[in-house]
Amino acid sequence: MHKMWQEFELSKMVPGGVPFPMLSDPGGKIGQVYGVYDEEAGVDIRGRFIIDPDGVIQAMEVLTPPVGRNPDELIRQIKAFQHVRSTGGAEVTPSGWQPGRATLKVGPELVGRVWEVWKP
């Protein structure tokens, strides 16, 4: 099903299609582990999880079908997590951060002063 969705829809919305693997969970076993399985309906609720190379969930979003997800925001978040990881956590990304824009340097001098440093 994902293969058809990728070929007939996603590839028309995202150049080249979605560049990451998608998971299908017909038995609901994975959905139960992640807390998105609807027992009564017998299906997983749509969700996305950003899992780092160490297997730690860094972000998740679960929305009911009537509300669409934002692929641009997903990609922005992945890039932000990659940037933070590449700095060893020395830099963090403020809300709405985009690649190439200013980051925040972590340290005690930042506590209570983010509003002075971060200019969106």
PDB file of N, CA and C in Angstrom:
ATOM      1  N   MET A   1       0.821  -1.188   0.000  1.00  0.00           N
ATOM      2  CA  MET A   1       0.000   0.000   0.000  1.00  0.00           C
ATOM      3  C   MET A   1       0.871   1.261   0.000  1.00  0.00           C
ATOM      4  N   HIS A   2       1.925   1.277   0.836  1.00  0.00           N
ATOM      5  CA  HIS A   2       2.804   2.449   0.859  1.00  0.00           C
ATOM      6  C   HIS A   2       3.497   2.658  -0.485  1.00  0.00           C
ATOM      7  N   LYS A   3       3.842   1.538  -1.162  1.00  0.00           N
ATOM      8  CA  LYS A   3       4.505   1.652  -2.462  1.00  0.00           C
ATOM      9  C   LYS A   3       3.594   2.392  -3.453  1.00  0.00           C
ATOM     10  N   MET A   4       2.332   2.029  -3.487  1.00  0.00           N
ATOM     11  CA  MET A   4       1.382   2.698  -4.384  1.00  0.00           C
ATOM     12  C   MET A   4       1.180   4.154  -3.976  1.00  0.00           C
ATOM     13  N   TRP A   5       1.065   4.405  -2.681  1.00  0.00           N
ATOM     14  CA  TRP A   5       0.873   5.767  -2.182  1.00  0.00           C
ATOM     15  C   TRP A   5       2.081   6.624  -2.571  1.00  0.00           C
ATOM     16  N   GLN A   6       3.280   6.047  -2.415  1.00  0.00           N
ATOM     17  CA  GLN A   6       4.505   6.760  -2.775  1.00  0.00           C
ATOM     18  C   GLN A   6       4.518   7.081  -4.278  1.00  0.00           C
ATOM     19  N   GLU A   7       4.227   6.080  -5.103  1.00  0.00           N
ATOM     20  CA  GLU A   7       4.303   6.248  -6.555  1.00  0.00           C
ATOM     21  C   GLU A   7       3.208   7.147  -7.123  1.00  0.00           C
ATOM     22  N   PHE A   8       1.979   7.002  -6.637  1.00  0.00           N
ATOM     23  CA  PHE A   8       0.860   7.701  -7.248  1.00  0.00           C
ATOM     24  C   PHE A   8       0.482   9.017  -6.581  1.00  0.00           C
ATOM     25  N   GLU A   9       0.907   9.233  -5.347  1.00  0.00           N
ATOM     26  CA  GLU A   9       0.549  10.483  -4.675  1.00  0.00           C
ATOM     27  C   GLU A   9       1.754  11.240  -4.157  1.00  0.00           C
ATOM     28  N   LEU A  10       2.508  10.631  -3.260  1.00  0.00           N
ATOM     29  CA  LEU A  10       3.601  11.344  -2.607  1.00  0.00           C
ATOM     30  C   LEU A  10       4.629  11.878  -3.591  1.00  0.00           C
ATOM     31  N   SER A  11       4.935  11.107  -4.627  1.00  0.00           N
ATOM     32  CA  SER A  11       5.937  11.549  -5.601  1.00  0.00           C
ATOM     33  C   SER A  11       5.482  12.795  -6.363  1.00  0.00           C
ATOM     34  N   LYS A  12       4.188  13.061  -6.360  1.00  0.00           N
ATOM     35  CA  LYS A  12       3.664  14.262  -7.009  1.00  0.00           C
ATOM     36  C   LYS A  12       3.671  15.465  -6.055  1.00  0.00           C
ATOM     37  N   MET A  13       3.728  15.189  -4.739  1.00  0.00           N
ATOM     38  CA  MET A  13       3.727  16.259  -3.745  1.00  0.00           C
ATOM     39  C   MET A  13       5.135  16.604  -3.283  1.00  0.00           C
ATOM     40  N   VAL A  14       6.003  15.606  -3.246  1.00  0.00           N
ATOM     41  CA  VAL A  14       7.390  15.780  -2.801  1.00  0.00           C
ATOM     42  C   VAL A  14       8.274  15.293  -3.941  1.00  0.00           C
ATOM     43  N   PRO A  15       9.098  16.159  -4.518  1.00  0.00           N
ATOM     44  CA  PRO A  15       9.951  15.719  -5.635  1.00  0.00           C
ATOM     45  C   PRO A  15      10.744  14.459  -5.289  1.00  0.00           C
ATOM     46  N   GLY A  16      10.561  13.417  -6.069  1.00  0.00           N
ATOM     47  CA  GLY A  16      11.247  12.150  -5.819  1.00  0.00           C
ATOM     48  C   GLY A  16      10.574  11.279  -4.782  1.00  0.00           C
ATOM     49  N   GLY A  17       9.474  11.742  -4.205  1.00  0.00           N
ATOM     50  CA  GLY A  17       8.785  10.976  -3.174  1.00  0.00           C
ATOM     51  C   GLY A  17       9.398  11.206  -1.808  1.00  0.00           C
ATOM     52  N   VAL A  18       8.834  10.597  -0.803  1.00  0.00           N
ATOM     53  CA  VAL A  18       9.317  10.742   0.566  1.00  0.00           C
ATOM     54  C   VAL A  18      10.642   9.991   0.692  1.00  0.00           C
ATOM     55  N   PRO A  19      11.703  10.683   1.148  1.00  0.00           N
ATOM     56  CA  PRO A  19      13.041  10.074   1.160  1.00  0.00           C
ATOM     57  C   PRO A  19      13.374   9.253   2.400  1.00  0.00           C
ATOM     58  N   PHE A  20      12.385   8.669   3.035  1.00  0.00           N
ATOM     59  CA  PHE A  20      12.645   7.846   4.203  1.00  0.00           C
ATOM     60  C   PHE A  20      11.667   6.672   4.201  1.00  0.00           C
ATOM     61  N   PRO A  21      12.014   5.604   4.908  1.00  0.00           N
ATOM     62  CA  PRO A  21      11.129   4.434   4.902  1.00  0.00           C
ATOM     63  C   PRO A  21       9.840   4.682   5.684  1.00  0.00           C
ATOM     64  N   MET A  22       8.763   4.093   5.197  1.00  0.00           N
ATOM     65  CA  MET A  22       7.488   4.141   5.904  1.00  0.00           C
ATOM     66  C   MET A  22       7.178   2.729   6.361  1.00  0.00           C
ATOM     67  N   LEU A  23       6.472   2.630   7.446  1.00  0.00           N
ATOM     68  CA  LEU A  23       6.191   1.347   8.068  1.00  0.00           C
ATOM     69  C   LEU A  23       4.713   1.020   7.969  1.00  0.00           C
ATOM     70  N   SER A  24       4.424  -0.217   7.647  1.00  0.00           N
ATOM     71  CA  SER A  24       3.058  -0.708   7.665  1.00  0.00           C
ATOM     72  C   SER A  24       2.953  -1.694   8.821  1.00  0.00           C
ATOM     73  N   ASP A  25       1.843  -1.668   9.527  1.00  0.00           N
ATOM     74  CA  ASP A  25       1.687  -2.480  10.742  1.00  0.00           C
ATOM     75  C   ASP A  25       0.326  -3.170  10.750  1.00  0.00           C
ATOM     76  N   PRO A  26       0.118  -4.134   9.826  1.00  0.00           N
ATOM     77  CA  PRO A  26      -1.209  -4.736   9.702  1.00  0.00           C
ATOM     78  C   PRO A  26      -1.729  -5.432  10.954  1.00  0.00           C
ATOM     79  N   GLY A  27      -0.870  -5.946  11.805  1.00  0.00           N
ATOM     80  CA  GLY A  27      -1.338  -6.624  13.015  1.00  0.00           C
ATOM     81  C   GLY A  27      -1.423  -5.725  14.229  1.00  0.00           C
ATOM     82  N   GLY A  28      -0.929  -4.504  14.113  1.00  0.00           N
ATOM     83  CA  GLY A  28      -1.003  -3.556  15.217  1.00  0.00           C
ATOM     84  C   GLY A  28       0.022  -3.764  16.320  1.00  0.00           C
ATOM     85  N   LYS A  29       0.961  -4.686  16.120  1.00  0.00           N
ATOM     86  CA  LYS A  29       1.942  -4.961  17.185  1.00  0.00           C
ATOM     87  C   LYS A  29       2.848  -3.771  17.460  1.00  0.00           C
ATOM     88  N   ILE A  30       3.301  -3.113  16.411  1.00  0.00           N
ATOM     89  CA  ILE A  30       4.179  -1.954  16.595  1.00  0.00           C
ATOM     90  C   ILE A  30       3.371  -0.793  17.163  1.00  0.00           C
ATOM     91  N   GLY A  31       2.161  -0.610  16.660  1.00  0.00           N
ATOM     92  CA  GLY A  31       1.295   0.453  17.167  1.00  0.00           C
ATOM     93  C   GLY A  31       1.009   0.312  18.644  1.00  0.00           C
ATOM     94  N   GLN A  32       0.887  -0.919  19.112  1.00  0.00           N
ATOM     95  CA  GLN A  32       0.660  -1.143  20.544  1.00  0.00           C
ATOM     96  C   GLN A  32       1.874  -0.694  21.351  1.00  0.00           C
ATOM     97  N   VAL A  33       3.069  -0.992  20.851  1.00  0.00           N
ATOM     98  CA  VAL A  33       4.301  -0.595  21.540  1.00  0.00           C
ATOM     99  C   VAL A  33       4.408   0.928  21.624  1.00  0.00           C
ATOM    100  N   TYR A  34       4.042   1.612  20.540  1.00  0.00           N
ATOM    101  CA  TYR A  34       4.157   3.066  20.485  1.00  0.00           C
ATOM    102  C   TYR A  34       2.910   3.784  21.016  1.00  0.00           C
ATOM    103  N   GLY A  35       1.902   3.035  21.437  1.00  0.00           N
ATOM    104  CA  GLY A  35       0.712   3.642  22.023  1.00  0.00           C
ATOM    105  C   GLY A  35      -0.226   4.291  21.031  1.00  0.00           C
ATOM    106  N   VAL A  36      -0.220   3.823  19.775  1.00  0.00           N
ATOM    107  CA  VAL A  36      -1.092   4.416  18.760  1.00  0.00           C
ATOM    108  C   VAL A  36      -2.077   3.405  18.169  1.00  0.00           C
ATOM    109  N   TYR A  37      -2.216   2.265  18.807  1.00  0.00           N
ATOM    110  CA  TYR A  37      -3.127   1.245  18.287  1.00  0.00           C
ATOM    111  C   TYR A  37      -4.515   1.449  18.864  1.00  0.00           C
ATOM    112  N   ASP A  38      -5.518   1.528  18.009  1.00  0.00           N
ATOM    113  CA  ASP A  38      -6.909   1.666  18.420  1.00  0.00           C
ATOM    114  C   ASP A  38      -7.520   0.269  18.449  1.00  0.00           C
ATOM    115  N   GLU A  39      -7.631  -0.306  19.646  1.00  0.00           N
ATOM    116  CA  GLU A  39      -8.156  -1.674  19.816  1.00  0.00           C
ATOM    117  C   GLU A  39      -9.532  -1.833  19.182  1.00  0.00           C
ATOM    118  N   GLU A  40     -10.407  -0.884  19.467  1.00  0.00           N
ATOM    119  CA  GLU A  40     -11.790  -0.994  18.999  1.00  0.00           C
ATOM    120  C   GLU A  40     -11.882  -1.024  17.477  1.00  0.00           C
ATOM    121  N   ALA A  41     -11.122  -0.157  16.814  1.00  0.00           N
ATOM    122  CA  ALA A  41     -11.155  -0.093  15.350  1.00  0.00           C
ATOM    123  C   ALA A  41     -10.230  -1.124  14.717  1.00  0.00           C
ATOM    124  N   GLY A  42      -9.276  -1.644  15.487  1.00  0.00           N
ATOM    125  CA  GLY A  42      -8.340  -2.634  14.960  1.00  0.00           C
ATOM    126  C   GLY A  42      -7.301  -2.055  14.010  1.00  0.00           C
ATOM    127  N   VAL A  43      -6.995  -0.768  14.176  1.00  0.00           N
ATOM    128  CA  VAL A  43      -6.020  -0.109  13.304  1.00  0.00           C
ATOM    129  C   VAL A  43      -5.121   0.817  14.126  1.00  0.00           C
ATOM    130  N   ASP A  44      -3.977   1.151  13.528  1.00  0.00           N
ATOM    131  CA  ASP A  44      -3.109   2.154  14.130  1.00  0.00           C
ATOM    132  C   ASP A  44      -3.631   3.542  13.792  1.00  0.00           C
ATOM    133  N   ILE A  45      -3.516   4.453  14.742  1.00  0.00           N
ATOM    134  CA  ILE A  45      -3.782   5.868  14.472  1.00  0.00           C
ATOM    135  C   ILE A  45      -2.537   6.389  13.776  1.00  0.00           C
ATOM    136  N   ARG A  46      -2.708   7.228  12.775  1.00  0.00           N
ATOM    137  CA  ARG A  46      -1.554   7.729  12.035  1.00  0.00           C
ATOM    138  C   ARG A  46      -0.616   8.500  12.952  1.00  0.00           C
ATOM    139  N   GLY A  47       0.647   8.163  12.831  1.00  0.00           N
ATOM    140  CA  GLY A  47       1.635   8.852  13.645  1.00  0.00           C
ATOM    141  C   GLY A  47       2.968   8.879  12.937  1.00  0.00           C
ATOM    142  N   ARG A  48       3.820   9.778  13.386  1.00  0.00           N
ATOM    143  CA  ARG A  48       5.187   9.803  12.888  1.00  0.00           C
ATOM    144  C   ARG A  48       6.103   9.931  14.086  1.00  0.00           C
ATOM    145  N   PHE A  49       7.206   9.241  14.004  1.00  0.00           N
ATOM    146  CA  PHE A  49       8.173   9.211  15.089  1.00  0.00           C
ATOM    147  C   PHE A  49       9.548   9.493  14.515  1.00  0.00           C
ATOM    148  N   ILE A  50      10.276  10.427  15.115  1.00  0.00           N
ATOM    149  CA  ILE A  50      11.656  10.682  14.720  1.00  0.00           C
ATOM    150  C   ILE A  50      12.511   9.938  15.741  1.00  0.00           C
ATOM    151  N   ILE A  51      13.245   8.945  15.249  1.00  0.00           N
ATOM    152  CA  ILE A  51      14.056   8.089  16.107  1.00  0.00           C
ATOM    153  C   ILE A  51      15.511   8.301  15.732  1.00  0.00           C
ATOM    154  N   ASP A  52      16.331   8.626  16.727  1.00  0.00           N
ATOM    155  CA  ASP A  52      17.736   8.924  16.431  1.00  0.00           C
ATOM    156  C   ASP A  52      18.528   7.637  16.184  1.00  0.00           C
ATOM    157  N   PRO A  53      19.786   7.758  15.750  1.00  0.00           N
ATOM    158  CA  PRO A  53      20.590   6.571  15.445  1.00  0.00           C
ATOM    159  C   PRO A  53      20.797   5.636  16.646  1.00  0.00           C
ATOM    160  N   ASP A  54      20.573   6.148  17.854  1.00  0.00           N
ATOM    161  CA  ASP A  54      20.705   5.314  19.054  1.00  0.00           C
ATOM    162  C   ASP A  54      19.403   4.612  19.413  1.00  0.00           C
ATOM    163  N   GLY A  55      18.345   4.833  18.604  1.00  0.00           N
ATOM    164  CA  GLY A  55      17.060   4.192  18.849  1.00  0.00           C
ATOM    165  C   GLY A  55      16.175   4.942  19.830  1.00  0.00           C
ATOM    166  N   VAL A  56      16.511   6.192  20.139  1.00  0.00           N
ATOM    167  CA  VAL A  56      15.738   6.990  21.090  1.00  0.00           C
ATOM    168  C   VAL A  56      14.746   7.864  20.320  1.00  0.00           C
ATOM    169  N   ILE A  57      13.485   7.835  20.739  1.00  0.00           N
ATOM    170  CA  ILE A  57      12.475   8.695  20.119  1.00  0.00           C
ATOM    171  C   ILE A  57      12.770  10.131  20.519  1.00  0.00           C
ATOM    172  N   GLN A  58      13.007  10.979  19.523  1.00  0.00           N
ATOM    173  CA  GLN A  58      13.273  12.390  19.773  1.00  0.00           C
ATOM    174  C   GLN A  58      12.012  13.240  19.592  1.00  0.00           C
ATOM    175  N   ALA A  59      11.082  12.783  18.755  1.00  0.00           N
ATOM    176  CA  ALA A  59       9.837  13.521  18.533  1.00  0.00           C
ATOM    177  C   ALA A  59       8.778  12.557  18.023  1.00  0.00           C
ATOM    178  N   MET A  60       7.543  12.902  18.307  1.00  0.00           N
ATOM    179  CA  MET A  60       6.434  12.119  17.779  1.00  0.00           C
ATOM    180  C   MET A  60       5.246  13.039  17.559  1.00  0.00           C
ATOM    181  N   GLU A  61       4.429  12.663  16.598  1.00  0.00           N
ATOM    182  CA  GLU A  61       3.207  13.411  16.322  1.00  0.00           C
ATOM    183  C   GLU A  61       2.138  12.396  15.955  1.00  0.00           C
ATOM    184  N   VAL A  62       1.006  12.492  16.609  1.00  0.00           N
ATOM    185  CA  VAL A  62      -0.114  11.608  16.330  1.00  0.00           C
ATOM    186  C   VAL A  62      -1.332  12.481  16.081  1.00  0.00           C
ATOM    187  N   LEU A  63      -1.895  12.337  14.887  1.00  0.00           N
ATOM    188  CA  LEU A  63      -3.064  13.129  14.507  1.00  0.00           C
ATOM    189  C   LEU A  63      -4.142  12.201  13.971  1.00  0.00           C
ATOM    190  N   THR A  64      -5.379  12.550  14.207  1.00  0.00           N
ATOM    191  CA  THR A  64      -6.466  11.779  13.626  1.00  0.00           C
ATOM    192  C   THR A  64      -6.555  12.124  12.139  1.00  0.00           C
ATOM    193  N   PRO A  65      -7.114  11.233  11.329  1.00  0.00           N
ATOM    194  CA  PRO A  65      -7.130  11.430   9.869  1.00  0.00           C
ATOM    195  C   PRO A  65      -7.669  12.762   9.352  1.00  0.00           C
ATOM    196  N   PRO A  66      -8.640  13.422  10.010  1.00  0.00           N
ATOM    197  CA  PRO A  66      -9.139  14.664   9.425  1.00  0.00           C
ATOM    198  C   PRO A  66      -8.127  15.813   9.374  1.00  0.00           C
ATOM    199  N   VAL A  67      -7.036  15.710  10.132  1.00  0.00           N
ATOM    200  CA  VAL A  67      -6.042  16.792  10.154  1.00  0.00           C
ATOM    201  C   VAL A  67      -4.760  16.293   9.500  1.00  0.00           C
ATOM    202  N   GLY A  68      -4.341  16.976   8.448  1.00  0.00           N
ATOM    203  CA  GLY A  68      -3.148  16.573   7.711  1.00  0.00           C
ATOM    204  C   GLY A  68      -1.860  16.955   8.425  1.00  0.00           C
ATOM    205  N   ARG A  69      -0.812  16.264   8.064  1.00  0.00           N
ATOM    206  CA  ARG A  69       0.509  16.530   8.628  1.00  0.00           C
ATOM    207  C   ARG A  69       1.274  17.459   7.684  1.00  0.00           C
ATOM    208  N   ASN A  70       2.364  18.035   8.187  1.00  0.00           N
ATOM    209  CA  ASN A  70       3.143  18.990   7.417  1.00  0.00           C
ATOM    210  C   ASN A  70       4.520  18.402   7.118  1.00  0.00           C
ATOM    211  N   PRO A  71       4.757  17.920   5.891  1.00  0.00           N
ATOM    212  CA  PRO A  71       6.051  17.308   5.581  1.00  0.00           C
ATOM    213  C   PRO A  71       7.215  18.289   5.684  1.00  0.00           C
ATOM    214  N   ASP A  72       6.973  19.575   5.399  1.00  0.00           N
ATOM    215  CA  ASP A  72       8.056  20.560   5.532  1.00  0.00           C
ATOM    216  C   ASP A  72       8.508  20.674   6.988  1.00  0.00           C
ATOM    217  N   GLU A  73       7.553  20.645   7.917  1.00  0.00           N
ATOM    218  CA  GLU A  73       7.890  20.721   9.334  1.00  0.00           C
ATOM    219  C   GLU A  73       8.642  19.465   9.779  1.00  0.00           C
ATOM    220  N   LEU A  74       8.227  18.318   9.279  1.00  0.00           N
ATOM    221  CA  LEU A  74       8.927  17.073   9.601  1.00  0.00           C
ATOM    222  C   LEU A  74      10.393  17.153   9.164  1.00  0.00           C
ATOM    223  N   ILE A  75      10.618  17.587   7.942  1.00  0.00           N
ATOM    224  CA  ILE A  75      11.983  17.679   7.423  1.00  0.00           C
ATOM    225  C   ILE A  75      12.778  18.723   8.207  1.00  0.00           C
ATOM    226  N   ARG A  76      12.147  19.851   8.554  1.00  0.00           N
ATOM    227  CA  ARG A  76      12.814  20.873   9.370  1.00  0.00           C
ATOM    228  C   ARG A  76      13.248  20.291  10.713  1.00  0.00           C
ATOM    229  N   GLN A  77      12.368  19.539  11.342  1.00  0.00           N
ATOM    230  CA  GLN A  77      12.694  18.938  12.628  1.00  0.00           C
ATOM    231  C   GLN A  77      13.836  17.937  12.495  1.00  0.00           C
ATOM    232  N   ILE A  78      13.807  17.112  11.471  1.00  0.00           N
ATOM    233  CA  ILE A  78      14.891  16.140  11.275  1.00  0.00           C
ATOM    234  C   ILE A  78      16.218  16.881  11.128  1.00  0.00           C
ATOM    235  N   LYS A  79      16.244  17.941  10.328  1.00  0.00           N
ATOM    236  CA  LYS A  79      17.476  18.717  10.143  1.00  0.00           C
ATOM    237  C   LYS A  79      17.920  19.363  11.456  1.00  0.00           C
ATOM    238  N   ALA A  80      16.963  19.835  12.251  1.00  0.00           N
ATOM    239  CA  ALA A  80      17.294  20.438  13.542  1.00  0.00           C
ATOM    240  C   ALA A  80      17.901  19.392  14.474  1.00  0.00           C
ATOM    241  N   PHE A  81      17.296  18.202  14.542  1.00  0.00           N
ATOM    242  CA  PHE A  81      17.853  17.145  15.393  1.00  0.00           C
ATOM    243  C   PHE A  81      19.245  16.738  14.913  1.00  0.00           C
ATOM    244  N   GLN A  82      19.429  16.675  13.605  1.00  0.00           N
ATOM    245  CA  GLN A  82      20.747  16.336  13.061  1.00  0.00           C
ATOM    246  C   GLN A  82      21.776  17.404  13.432  1.00  0.00           C
ATOM    247  N   HIS A  83      21.383  18.675  13.361  1.00  0.00           N
ATOM    248  CA  HIS A  83      22.308  19.750  13.716  1.00  0.00           C
ATOM    249  C   HIS A  83      22.698  19.670  15.197  1.00  0.00           C
ATOM    250  N   VAL A  84      21.720  19.525  16.054  1.00  0.00           N
ATOM    251  CA  VAL A  84      21.997  19.445  17.491  1.00  0.00           C
ATOM    252  C   VAL A  84      22.918  18.266  17.779  1.00  0.00           C
ATOM    253  N   ARG A  85      22.645  17.135  17.140  1.00  0.00           N
ATOM    254  CA  ARG A  85      23.483  15.949  17.347  1.00  0.00           C
ATOM    255  C   ARG A  85      24.903  16.204  16.848  1.00  0.00           C
ATOM    256  N   SER A  86      25.048  16.891  15.704  1.00  0.00           N
ATOM    257  CA  SER A  86      26.375  17.128  15.143  1.00  0.00           C
ATOM    258  C   SER A  86      27.215  18.054  16.022  1.00  0.00           C
ATOM    259  N   THR A  87      26.569  18.873  16.865  1.00  0.00           N
ATOM    260  CA  THR A  87      27.302  19.762  17.771  1.00  0.00           C
ATOM    261  C   THR A  87      27.491  19.132  19.147  1.00  0.00           C
ATOM    262  N   GLY A  88      27.053  17.889  19.287  1.00  0.00           N
ATOM    263  CA  GLY A  88      27.162  17.231  20.584  1.00  0.00           C
ATOM    264  C   GLY A  88      26.280  17.864  21.641  1.00  0.00           C
ATOM    265  N   GLY A  89      25.250  18.570  21.196  1.00  0.00           N
ATOM    266  CA  GLY A  89      24.328  19.216  22.128  1.00  0.00           C
ATOM    267  C   GLY A  89      24.800  20.585  22.594  1.00  0.00           C
ATOM    268  N   ALA A  90      25.921  21.078  22.054  1.00  0.00           N
ATOM    269  CA  ALA A  90      26.426  22.401  22.439  1.00  0.00           C
ATOM    270  C   ALA A  90      25.558  23.519  21.880  1.00  0.00           C
ATOM    271  N   GLU A  91      24.848  23.237  20.791  1.00  0.00           N
ATOM    272  CA  GLU A  91      23.940  24.211  20.199  1.00  0.00           C
ATOM    273  C   GLU A  91      22.545  23.606  20.165  1.00  0.00           C
ATOM    274  N   VAL A  92      21.555  24.459  20.380  1.00  0.00           N
ATOM    275  CA  VAL A  92      20.165  24.031  20.271  1.00  0.00           C
ATOM    276  C   VAL A  92      19.461  24.930  19.266  1.00  0.00           C
ATOM    277  N   THR A  93      18.371  24.459  18.726  1.00  0.00           N
ATOM    278  CA  THR A  93      17.657  25.212  17.703  1.00  0.00           C
ATOM    279  C   THR A  93      16.374  25.782  18.295  1.00  0.00           C
ATOM    280  N   PRO A  94      16.181  27.087  18.155  1.00  0.00           N
ATOM    281  CA  PRO A  94      14.954  27.690  18.673  1.00  0.00           C
ATOM    282  C   PRO A  94      13.751  27.331  17.798  1.00  0.00           C
ATOM    283  N   SER A  95      12.585  27.687  18.278  1.00  0.00           N
ATOM    284  CA  SER A  95      11.343  27.435  17.557  1.00  0.00           C
ATOM    285  C   SER A  95      11.415  28.013  16.152  1.00  0.00           C
ATOM    286  N   GLY A  96      11.015  27.230  15.169  1.00  0.00           N
ATOM    287  CA  GLY A  96      10.994  27.691  13.789  1.00  0.00           C
ATOM    288  C   GLY A  96      12.357  27.760  13.122  1.00  0.00           C
ATOM    289  N   TRP A  97      13.393  27.283  13.797  1.00  0.00           N
ATOM    290  CA  TRP A  97      14.749  27.321  13.243  1.00  0.00           C
ATOM    291  C   TRP A  97      14.789  26.678  11.874  1.00  0.00           C
ATOM    292  N   GLN A  98      15.580  27.263  10.980  1.00  0.00           N
ATOM    293  CA  GLN A  98      15.826  26.713   9.648  1.00  0.00           C
ATOM    294  C   GLN A  98      17.332  26.530   9.481  1.00  0.00           C
ATOM    295  N   PRO A  99      17.761  25.536   8.713  1.00  0.00           N
ATOM    296  CA  PRO A  99      19.193  25.340   8.480  1.00  0.00           C
ATOM    297  C   PRO A  99      19.862  26.626   8.007  1.00  0.00           C
ATOM    298  N   GLY A 100      21.031  26.912   8.584  1.00  0.00           N
ATOM    299  CA  GLY A 100      21.775  28.111   8.234  1.00  0.00           C
ATOM    300  C   GLY A 100      21.446  29.310   9.105  1.00  0.00           C
ATOM    301  N   ARG A 101      20.390  29.220   9.884  1.00  0.00           N
ATOM    302  CA  ARG A 101      20.018  30.331  10.766  1.00  0.00           C
ATOM    303  C   ARG A 101      20.691  30.173  12.117  1.00  0.00           C
ATOM    304  N   ALA A 102      20.610  31.211  12.924  1.00  0.00           N
ATOM    305  CA  ALA A 102      21.271  31.232  14.230  1.00  0.00           C
ATOM    306  C   ALA A 102      20.738  30.139  15.152  1.00  0.00           C
ATOM    307  N   THR A 103      21.638  29.590  15.935  1.00  0.00           N
ATOM    308  CA  THR A 103      21.284  28.625  16.970  1.00  0.00           C
ATOM    309  C   THR A 103      21.577  29.263  18.319  1.00  0.00           C
ATOM    310  N   LEU A 104      21.228  28.574  19.376  1.00  0.00           N
ATOM    311  CA  LEU A 104      21.527  29.037  20.723  1.00  0.00           C
ATOM    312  C   LEU A 104      22.643  28.182  21.291  1.00  0.00           C
ATOM    313  N   LYS A 105      23.610  28.810  21.951  1.00  0.00           N
ATOM    314  CA  LYS A 105      24.718  28.099  22.589  1.00  0.00           C
ATOM    315  C   LYS A 105      24.294  27.768  24.014  1.00  0.00           C
ATOM    316  N   VAL A 106      24.359  26.503  24.354  1.00  0.00           N
ATOM    317  CA  VAL A 106      23.919  26.038  25.658  1.00  0.00           C
ATOM    318  C   VAL A 106      24.918  26.461  26.728  1.00  0.00           C
ATOM    319  N   GLY A 107      24.423  26.933  27.852  1.00  0.00           N
ATOM    320  CA  GLY A 107      25.277  27.297  28.973  1.00  0.00           C
ATOM    321  C   GLY A 107      24.488  28.039  30.030  1.00  0.00           C
ATOM    322  N   PRO A 108      25.047  28.139  31.226  1.00  0.00           N
ATOM    323  CA  PRO A 108      24.328  28.804  32.329  1.00  0.00           C
ATOM    324  C   PRO A 108      23.991  30.263  32.026  1.00  0.00           C
ATOM    325  N   GLU A 109      24.831  30.925  31.202  1.00  0.00           N
ATOM    326  CA  GLU A 109      24.566  32.331  30.884  1.00  0.00           C
ATOM    327  C   GLU A 109      23.306  32.509  30.041  1.00  0.00           C
ATOM    328  N   LEU A 110      22.804  31.437  29.440  1.00  0.00           N
ATOM    329  CA  LEU A 110      21.598  31.514  28.616  1.00  0.00           C
ATOM    330  C   LEU A 110      20.322  31.425  29.454  1.00  0.00           C
ATOM    331  N   VAL A 111      20.418  30.823  30.630  1.00  0.00           N
ATOM    332  CA  VAL A 111      19.238  30.599  31.472  1.00  0.00           C
ATOM    333  C   VAL A 111      18.581  31.937  31.824  1.00  0.00           C
ATOM    334  N   GLY A 112      17.314  32.042  31.499  1.00  0.00           N
ATOM    335  CA  GLY A 112      16.550  33.243  31.790  1.00  0.00           C
ATOM    336  C   GLY A 112      16.841  34.412  30.857  1.00  0.00           C
ATOM    337  N   ARG A 113      17.689  34.178  29.835  1.00  0.00           N
ATOM    338  CA  ARG A 113      18.066  35.257  28.926  1.00  0.00           C
ATOM    339  C   ARG A 113      17.820  34.906  27.457  1.00  0.00           C
ATOM    340  N   VAL A 114      17.121  33.820  27.194  1.00  0.00           N
ATOM    341  CA  VAL A 114      16.873  33.422  25.799  1.00  0.00           C
ATOM    342  C   VAL A 114      16.234  34.566  25.038  1.00  0.00           C
ATOM    343  N   TRP A 115      15.301  35.271  25.662  1.00  0.00           N
ATOM    344  CA  TRP A 115      14.609  36.373  24.998  1.00  0.00           C
ATOM    345  C   TRP A 115      15.573  37.466  24.556  1.00  0.00           C
ATOM    346  N   GLU A 116      16.719  37.623  25.239  1.00  0.00           N
ATOM    347  CA  GLU A 116      17.704  38.636  24.856  1.00  0.00           C
ATOM    348  C   GLU A 116      18.548  38.181  23.675  1.00  0.00           C
ATOM    349  N   VAL A 117      18.783  36.876  23.600  1.00  0.00           N
ATOM    350  CA  VAL A 117      19.687  36.308  22.606  1.00  0.00           C
ATOM    351  C   VAL A 117      18.982  35.956  21.307  1.00  0.00           C
ATOM    352  N   TRP A 118      17.798  35.388  21.422  1.00  0.00           N
ATOM    353  CA  TRP A 118      17.106  34.874  20.236  1.00  0.00           C
ATOM    354  C   TRP A 118      16.195  35.932  19.652  1.00  0.00           C
ATOM    355  N   LYS A 119      16.475  36.287  18.436  1.00  0.00           N
ATOM    356  CA  LYS A 119      15.655  37.266  17.705  1.00  0.00           C
ATOM    357  C   LYS A 119      15.071  36.568  16.482  1.00  0.00           C
ATOM    358  N   PRO A 120      13.811  36.102  16.568  1.00  0.00           N
ATOM    359  CA  PRO A 120      13.230  35.359  15.434  1.00  0.00           C
ATOM    360  C   PRO A 120      13.076  36.210  14.188  1.00  0.00           C
TER     361      PRO A 120
END
